[in-house]
Amino acid sequence: MPQFLRVPWIRWQRFRITGEVKRQGDGRPCPGLRVAAFDQDHIQDDFLGETMTNADGHFEIRFTDAEFKDLVEAQPDIYLCVFEPGQREPLVDTSYAVRNNASNDEYFEIEIPAGAGSD
């Protein structure tokens, strides 16, 4: 049986992104949409995780610094994309408002255009 060495100095920093997706105008929750989180980088953005909105339009994505950390980056620069199921083009892309050096617990309120998304 292989032996595994414990490395006590390696501790992954944990992060959580929560939020809700609502319809623009009437504020109704948008269930069943895919929310993907990314860390913006100069060369290629890092994928942090994804989830589906629940019946109330809420979502939660958890990840560790192993997903984005490098020699010059200790905190993620987060943006989100919201997709309809099966679609490749996002309904909403928040890369125009990146949260630079995001905290370990971030909350987003996202509005999708009226008439878009599942009802």
Protein backbone atom coordinates (compact mmCIF):
# COMPACT_ATOMS: atom_id res chain seq x y z
CA MET A 1 0.00 0.00 0.00
CA PRO A 2 1.49 3.40 -0.95
CA GLN A 3 2.44 5.80 1.81
CA PHE A 4 1.35 9.44 1.56
CA LEU A 5 3.34 12.17 3.20
CA ARG A 6 1.41 14.82 5.03
CA VAL A 7 2.55 18.31 4.11
CA PRO A 8 1.43 20.49 7.04
CA TRP A 9 2.44 23.83 5.52
CA ILE A 10 0.14 23.46 2.50
CA ARG A 11 -3.31 24.73 3.36
CA TRP A 12 -5.67 25.68 0.58
CA GLN A 13 -7.43 28.97 1.08
CA ARG A 14 -11.19 28.50 0.60
CA PHE A 15 -13.47 30.87 -1.30
CA ARG A 16 -17.23 31.13 -1.73
CA ILE A 17 -19.31 33.08 -4.22
CA THR A 18 -23.02 33.39 -3.49
CA GLY A 19 -25.72 35.45 -5.04
CA GLU A 20 -28.99 35.59 -6.88
CA VAL A 21 -30.12 36.04 -10.44
CA LYS A 22 -33.23 38.14 -11.04
CA ARG A 23 -35.15 39.34 -14.05
CA GLN A 24 -34.61 42.99 -14.93
CA GLY A 25 -37.70 45.12 -14.39
CA ASP A 26 -39.87 42.91 -12.19
CA GLY A 27 -37.12 41.36 -10.01
CA ARG A 28 -38.51 37.83 -10.34
CA PRO A 29 -36.05 35.04 -9.47
CA CYS A 30 -34.51 33.11 -12.38
CA PRO A 31 -34.25 29.39 -11.60
CA GLY A 32 -32.41 26.83 -13.71
CA LEU A 33 -29.68 29.08 -15.12
CA ARG A 34 -26.01 28.10 -15.15
CA VAL A 35 -23.65 30.49 -13.35
CA ALA A 36 -19.92 30.14 -14.09
CA ALA A 37 -17.14 31.95 -12.19
CA PHE A 38 -13.78 33.00 -13.62
CA ASP A 39 -10.57 34.62 -12.41
CA GLN A 40 -9.41 37.27 -14.86
CA ASP A 41 -5.76 36.96 -15.89
CA HIS A 42 -3.55 38.69 -18.46
CA ILE A 43 -3.07 35.63 -20.67
CA GLN A 44 -5.89 33.17 -19.98
CA ASP A 45 -8.71 33.42 -17.45
CA ASP A 46 -9.01 30.63 -14.87
CA PHE A 47 -12.26 28.69 -14.51
CA LEU A 48 -13.26 28.66 -10.82
CA GLY A 49 -16.46 26.63 -10.92
CA GLU A 50 -20.11 26.63 -11.89
CA THR A 51 -23.55 25.79 -10.55
CA MET A 52 -27.24 26.15 -11.36
CA THR A 53 -29.57 28.69 -9.79
CA ASN A 54 -32.17 27.14 -7.47
CA ALA A 55 -35.93 27.80 -7.46
CA ASP A 56 -35.33 31.17 -5.76
CA GLY A 57 -32.63 32.20 -8.25
CA HIS A 58 -29.86 31.74 -5.65
CA PHE A 59 -26.49 30.12 -6.33
CA GLU A 60 -23.29 29.16 -4.54
CA ILE A 61 -19.86 28.32 -5.97
CA ARG A 62 -17.00 27.10 -3.77
CA PHE A 63 -13.35 26.84 -4.80
CA THR A 64 -9.82 27.04 -3.40
CA ASP A 65 -6.81 29.13 -4.33
CA ALA A 66 -5.43 26.09 -6.16
CA GLU A 67 -7.76 27.11 -9.01
CA PHE A 68 -6.09 30.48 -9.68
CA LYS A 69 -3.06 31.19 -7.48
CA ASP A 70 0.33 31.81 -9.04
CA LEU A 71 3.52 33.65 -8.14
CA VAL A 72 1.97 37.11 -8.41
CA GLU A 73 -1.67 36.46 -7.54
CA ALA A 74 -2.91 35.72 -4.02
CA GLN A 75 -6.58 36.76 -4.40
CA PRO A 76 -8.86 36.14 -7.39
CA ASP A 77 -10.17 38.81 -9.78
CA ILE A 78 -13.71 37.45 -10.14
CA TYR A 79 -16.31 37.81 -12.84
CA LEU A 80 -19.39 35.70 -13.59
CA CYS A 81 -21.25 34.55 -16.69
CA VAL A 82 -24.89 33.43 -16.64
CA PHE A 83 -26.12 30.98 -19.29
CA GLU A 84 -29.41 29.43 -20.31
CA PRO A 85 -29.21 25.62 -20.22
CA GLY A 86 -27.48 24.25 -23.30
CA GLN A 87 -26.34 27.67 -24.55
CA ARG A 88 -22.72 28.72 -25.17
CA GLU A 89 -23.27 32.48 -25.27
CA PRO A 90 -23.96 34.07 -21.88
CA LEU A 91 -27.10 36.06 -21.09
CA VAL A 92 -24.94 38.18 -18.78
CA ASP A 93 -21.17 38.58 -18.54
CA THR A 94 -19.86 40.68 -15.64
CA SER A 95 -16.27 40.92 -16.97
CA TYR A 96 -16.83 44.67 -17.43
CA ALA A 97 -16.98 44.95 -13.60
CA VAL A 98 -14.34 42.52 -12.31
CA ARG A 99 -14.00 42.27 -8.52
CA ASN A 100 -10.25 42.68 -8.19
CA ASN A 101 -8.58 41.04 -5.19
CA ALA A 102 -11.89 39.52 -4.14
CA SER A 103 -12.47 38.45 -0.57
CA ASN A 104 -13.02 34.86 0.51
CA ASP A 105 -16.78 35.41 0.58
CA GLU A 106 -18.33 37.43 -2.24
CA TYR A 107 -22.02 38.12 -2.97
CA PHE A 108 -23.41 39.04 -6.40
CA GLU A 109 -26.84 40.30 -7.49
CA ILE A 110 -27.24 39.79 -11.22
CA GLU A 111 -30.09 40.95 -13.43
CA ILE A 112 -30.80 39.28 -16.74
CA PRO A 113 -32.64 41.10 -19.52
CA ALA A 114 -36.45 40.97 -19.37
CA GLY A 115 -37.74 38.16 -21.56
CA ALA A 116 -34.49 36.15 -21.38
CA GLY A 117 -34.02 32.95 -19.43
CA SER A 118 -36.55 30.35 -18.37
CA ASP A 119 -39.85 31.43 -16.85
